[in-house]
Amino acid sequence: MSQHDEHEGHGSELSEMTLRVRALETILTEKGYVDPSVLDSIVEAYETKIGPRNGAKVIARAWNDAAFKRSLLEDATRAVTSFGHAGHVGDHLVAVENTPKLHNMVVCTLCSCYPTDFLGVSPVWYKSAPYRSRAVRDPRGVLADFGVSLSSDTEIRVWDSTAETRFIVVPMRPSGTDGWDEERLAALVTRDSMIGTGLPKKPEDLGS
């Protein structure tokens, strides 16, 4: 039984979109256009190997290792290979660093280009027309919508992703984390903080 079949029989609990996807998958499978085992392997990869946990590890390393941070900012594509990532997205990955005077934010004005290897599946809002247009025209207003308030003298720089070049934001390391190892630091890194629409968690947000 494939992973997609495990919850069959609970149709009333599935959303309309899920039902449509299942129907399309069934048709494509029956006609021989797709192999269910391949779909399962893709789903498993996104659940266990691809996602913001990968980006969080990269950011945590940058926070704890000055030499790695320099290499990441100089050539992110090369730097992330030390984490075993050499996928097509990493071919053109650029890391941009937040500072007290500069805040970076990423958008794809044309569609939804995004470093999925490191940030996972792009959120719905990232693909929406309002975000794609307002992020360029009114980035401070967009950040306010996300609950991010910056000092008026903080420059906001918006980076436009393309099919060739993807960006990842290196957020500022939260205070109160001196001596933390990379695993603890990675728990503070959120997907949105690597897009620039959010900030990392604070130590107190992790609880005891």
Foldseek 3Di string as FASTA:
>chain_A
DAPLCPPPVVVVPDDPVNVVVVVVVVVCVVVPNDDSVVVRVVVVCLVPQWAQLLQLLLLLCVVVPVVLVVVCQVQVLVSSVVVVDNDPQSVAEHEAEDDLQEFEAEAALPAQDASRRNHNDDDPVRGDNVCSVCCVVPVQVLLVVLVDHHDPRRHYHYHHDDPRHHYWYNYDQAPPCPPPHSVLSSQQDHSRVRRRSDHTHHPPVVPD
